[in-house]
Structures are given as C-alpha cells and as structure tokens.
C-alpha cells in the first residue's frame, strides 16, 4: 500500500488530499492524469517523473516511516520541452524540480485511520 500527499503550502492541506494506491504504477498514472487534465499546456508521461528518497527518518509530524519525493525530471529528460518552458517560465533545470508530492509505504494503522476522511 502506498499513501500519497500532494505538495501544498501547508501540511494540513496536503494531508486532507492524501490518497492510497495499491502500486507505485497506479500512483504515477494518477499523477500524470491529474497533471495533464489541470495543466494542458505541459503534458507529461510517467517517464517525466523523478522519484527519490526524501529522508531516512520519514515524516514524524504525520507518522510516516519512510518518505519519498516526486518531482518533474530535469529539462534534458522531459519530452514536452515547449510545455516545460511554459510551466517553468523558460528556466531549464539540470536536476529534478517542481515538487509534485510525497509518498510513503509505511503508515501506522492509527495514523492512517486518523487522517482518513
């Protein structure tokens, strides 16, 4: 089980939008679909996402035991160069950028129950 929260200005806002997925593939397909529907000028595919470990300690604020970050790939690895330019205002990053959200594979039951709607 994977629990995802989008990147938001406030943690409480992000946690209100959290979703669970059975597989990582389901999660990345969800992200691509949501992004492409809300940002038609910058179309992405699953290969345009970069996933990395964000911290060995997870996120103690919400009880997540591991924490991974999902960003857009660097400019050189993105397929939709024109859309990337529009989205990032013409800047070409040589590293993953534009935080999309975070996910964990280790949410204690009591924390999962507390945060569910």
C-alpha atoms as a PDB file:
ATOM      1  CA  UNK A   1       0.000   0.000   0.000  1.00  0.00           C
ATOM      2  CA  UNK A   2       1.262   3.465  -0.917  1.00  0.00           C
ATOM      3  CA  UNK A   3      -0.029   6.690   0.619  1.00  0.00           C
ATOM      4  CA  UNK A   4       0.483   9.882  -1.409  1.00  0.00           C
ATOM      5  CA  UNK A   5       0.014  13.513  -0.474  1.00  0.00           C
ATOM      6  CA  UNK A   6       0.365  16.363  -2.965  1.00  0.00           C
ATOM      7  CA  UNK A   7       2.747  19.216  -2.280  1.00  0.00           C
ATOM      8  CA  UNK A   8       0.871  22.124  -0.699  1.00  0.00           C
ATOM      9  CA  UNK A   9       1.814  25.230   1.252  1.00  0.00           C
ATOM     10  CA  UNK A  10       0.540  23.701   4.487  1.00  0.00           C
ATOM     11  CA  UNK A  11       0.917  20.117   5.652  1.00  0.00           C
ATOM     12  CA  UNK A  12      -2.705  20.006   6.876  1.00  0.00           C
ATOM     13  CA  UNK A  13      -3.927  20.938   3.390  1.00  0.00           C
ATOM     14  CA  UNK A  14      -1.765  18.222   1.819  1.00  0.00           C
ATOM     15  CA  UNK A  15      -2.945  15.579   4.287  1.00  0.00           C
ATOM     16  CA  UNK A  16      -6.583  16.400   3.547  1.00  0.00           C
ATOM     17  CA  UNK A  17      -5.899  15.456  -0.085  1.00  0.00           C
ATOM     18  CA  UNK A  18      -3.955  12.254   0.603  1.00  0.00           C
ATOM     19  CA  UNK A  19      -4.826   9.133  -1.364  1.00  0.00           C
ATOM     20  CA  UNK A  20      -3.811   5.490  -1.167  1.00  0.00           C
ATOM     21  CA  UNK A  21      -2.764   3.262  -4.041  1.00  0.00           C
ATOM     22  CA  UNK A  22      -2.055  -0.435  -4.337  1.00  0.00           C
ATOM     23  CA  UNK A  23       1.023   0.020  -6.542  1.00  0.00           C
ATOM     24  CA  UNK A  24       3.557   2.667  -7.493  1.00  0.00           C
ATOM     25  CA  UNK A  25       2.392   2.359 -11.104  1.00  0.00           C
ATOM     26  CA  UNK A  26      -1.161   3.328 -10.070  1.00  0.00           C
ATOM     27  CA  UNK A  27       0.225   6.352  -8.228  1.00  0.00           C
ATOM     28  CA  UNK A  28       2.335   7.662 -11.107  1.00  0.00           C
ATOM     29  CA  UNK A  29      -0.505   7.123 -13.579  1.00  0.00           C
ATOM     30  CA  UNK A  30      -2.807   9.094 -11.260  1.00  0.00           C
ATOM     31  CA  UNK A  31      -0.264  11.935 -11.042  1.00  0.00           C
ATOM     32  CA  UNK A  32       0.153  12.060 -14.821  1.00  0.00           C
ATOM     33  CA  UNK A  33      -3.600  12.052 -15.443  1.00  0.00           C
ATOM     34  CA  UNK A  34      -4.302  14.744 -12.835  1.00  0.00           C
ATOM     35  CA  UNK A  35      -1.446  16.941 -14.060  1.00  0.00           C
ATOM     36  CA  UNK A  36      -2.377  16.640 -17.731  1.00  0.00           C
ATOM     37  CA  UNK A  37      -6.028  17.487 -17.005  1.00  0.00           C
ATOM     38  CA  UNK A  38      -5.203  20.552 -14.907  1.00  0.00           C
ATOM     39  CA  UNK A  39      -2.183  21.785 -16.912  1.00  0.00           C
ATOM     40  CA  UNK A  40      -2.924  21.200 -20.608  1.00  0.00           C
ATOM     41  CA  UNK A  41      -0.008  23.396 -21.737  1.00  0.00           C
ATOM     42  CA  UNK A  42       2.510  20.950 -20.199  1.00  0.00           C
ATOM     43  CA  UNK A  43       1.750  17.296 -20.905  1.00  0.00           C
ATOM     44  CA  UNK A  44       3.800  14.675 -19.072  1.00  0.00           C
ATOM     45  CA  UNK A  45       4.146  10.899 -19.052  1.00  0.00           C
ATOM     46  CA  UNK A  46       5.332   8.568 -16.309  1.00  0.00           C
ATOM     47  CA  UNK A  47       8.926   8.760 -17.609  1.00  0.00           C
ATOM     48  CA  UNK A  48       8.888  12.517 -16.906  1.00  0.00           C
ATOM     49  CA  UNK A  49       8.676  11.917 -13.147  1.00  0.00           C
ATOM     50  CA  UNK A  50      11.612  11.567 -10.778  1.00  0.00           C
ATOM     51  CA  UNK A  51      11.203   9.664  -7.510  1.00  0.00           C
ATOM     52  CA  UNK A  52      13.780   9.823  -4.753  1.00  0.00           C
ATOM     53  CA  UNK A  53      14.166   9.066  -1.081  1.00  0.00           C
ATOM     54  CA  UNK A  54      13.448  12.283   0.806  1.00  0.00           C
ATOM     55  CA  UNK A  55      14.613  11.244   4.232  1.00  0.00           C
ATOM     56  CA  UNK A  56      15.616   8.210   6.221  1.00  0.00           C
ATOM     57  CA  UNK A  57      13.571   9.356   9.213  1.00  0.00           C
ATOM     58  CA  UNK A  58      10.332   9.702   7.263  1.00  0.00           C
ATOM     59  CA  UNK A  59       7.976  12.437   8.432  1.00  0.00           C
ATOM     60  CA  UNK A  60       7.430  12.306  12.178  1.00  0.00           C
ATOM     61  CA  UNK A  61       4.790  15.053  12.002  1.00  0.00           C
ATOM     62  CA  UNK A  62       2.339  12.585  10.446  1.00  0.00           C
ATOM     63  CA  UNK A  63       3.891   9.274  11.491  1.00  0.00           C
ATOM     64  CA  UNK A  64       5.166   8.238   8.070  1.00  0.00           C
ATOM     65  CA  UNK A  65       8.112   5.884   8.476  1.00  0.00           C
ATOM     66  CA  UNK A  66       9.660   6.411   5.054  1.00  0.00           C
ATOM     67  CA  UNK A  67       9.295   9.384   2.759  1.00  0.00           C
ATOM     68  CA  UNK A  68       9.795   9.669  -0.982  1.00  0.00           C
ATOM     69  CA  UNK A  69       9.525  12.811  -3.115  1.00  0.00           C
ATOM     70  CA  UNK A  70       8.100  13.022  -6.632  1.00  0.00           C
ATOM     71  CA  UNK A  71       9.303  15.829  -8.922  1.00  0.00           C
ATOM     72  CA  UNK A  72       9.491  16.554 -12.617  1.00  0.00           C
ATOM     73  CA  UNK A  73      12.625  15.279 -14.309  1.00  0.00           C
ATOM     74  CA  UNK A  74      15.341  17.684 -15.462  1.00  0.00           C
ATOM     75  CA  UNK A  75      14.800  19.633 -18.665  1.00  0.00           C
ATOM     76  CA  UNK A  76      17.026  17.258 -20.652  1.00  0.00           C
ATOM     77  CA  UNK A  77      14.829  14.264 -19.742  1.00  0.00           C
ATOM     78  CA  UNK A  78      11.378  15.837 -20.291  1.00  0.00           C
ATOM     79  CA  UNK A  79       9.632  15.018 -23.560  1.00  0.00           C
ATOM     80  CA  UNK A  80       7.382  18.118 -23.797  1.00  0.00           C
ATOM     81  CA  UNK A  81      10.094  20.822 -23.957  1.00  0.00           C
ATOM     82  CA  UNK A  82       7.677  23.584 -25.009  1.00  0.00           C
ATOM     83  CA  UNK A  83       5.321  22.771 -22.144  1.00  0.00           C
ATOM     84  CA  UNK A  84       8.215  22.621 -19.689  1.00  0.00           C
ATOM     85  CA  UNK A  85       9.342  26.067 -20.842  1.00  0.00           C
ATOM     86  CA  UNK A  86       5.842  27.475 -20.293  1.00  0.00           C
ATOM     87  CA  UNK A  87       5.432  25.804 -16.915  1.00  0.00           C
ATOM     88  CA  UNK A  88       8.829  26.885 -15.557  1.00  0.00           C
ATOM     89  CA  UNK A  89       8.972  30.282 -17.225  1.00  0.00           C
ATOM     90  CA  UNK A  90      11.748  29.383 -19.654  1.00  0.00           C
ATOM     91  CA  UNK A  91      14.164  28.129 -16.998  1.00  0.00           C
ATOM     92  CA  UNK A  92      15.991  24.880 -17.769  1.00  0.00           C
ATOM     93  CA  UNK A  93      16.829  22.949 -14.631  1.00  0.00           C
ATOM     94  CA  UNK A  94      19.595  20.359 -14.806  1.00  0.00           C
ATOM     95  CA  UNK A  95      18.123  18.499 -11.849  1.00  0.00           C
ATOM     96  CA  UNK A  96      14.668  17.234 -10.884  1.00  0.00           C
ATOM     97  CA  UNK A  97      12.480  20.165  -9.859  1.00  0.00           C
ATOM     98  CA  UNK A  98       8.879  21.201  -9.298  1.00  0.00           C
ATOM     99  CA  UNK A  99       7.794  19.113  -6.311  1.00  0.00           C
ATOM    100  CA  UNK A 100       4.584  17.256  -7.098  1.00  0.00           C
ATOM    101  CA  UNK A 101       4.172  15.450  -3.808  1.00  0.00           C
ATOM    102  CA  UNK A 102       5.383  12.871  -1.328  1.00  0.00           C
ATOM    103  CA  UNK A 103       4.546   9.257  -0.613  1.00  0.00           C
ATOM    104  CA  UNK A 104       5.207   6.550   1.926  1.00  0.00           C
ATOM    105  CA  UNK A 105       4.869   2.802   2.083  1.00  0.00           C
ATOM    106  CA  UNK A 106       4.870   2.726   5.903  1.00  0.00           C
ATOM    107  CA  UNK A 107       1.910   4.409   7.579  1.00  0.00           C
ATOM    108  CA  UNK A 108       0.992   3.073  11.012  1.00  0.00           C
ATOM    109  CA  UNK A 109      -2.662   1.972  11.204  1.00  0.00           C
ATOM    110  CA  UNK A 110      -3.583   4.506  13.869  1.00  0.00           C
ATOM    111  CA  UNK A 111      -2.152   7.369  11.798  1.00  0.00           C
ATOM    112  CA  UNK A 112      -3.871   6.110   8.627  1.00  0.00           C
ATOM    113  CA  UNK A 113      -7.210   5.918  10.457  1.00  0.00           C
ATOM    114  CA  UNK A 114      -6.767   9.387  11.998  1.00  0.00           C
ATOM    115  CA  UNK A 115      -6.106  11.016   8.627  1.00  0.00           C
ATOM    116  CA  UNK A 116      -8.834   9.297   6.605  1.00  0.00           C
ATOM    117  CA  UNK A 117     -11.971  11.240   5.820  1.00  0.00           C
END
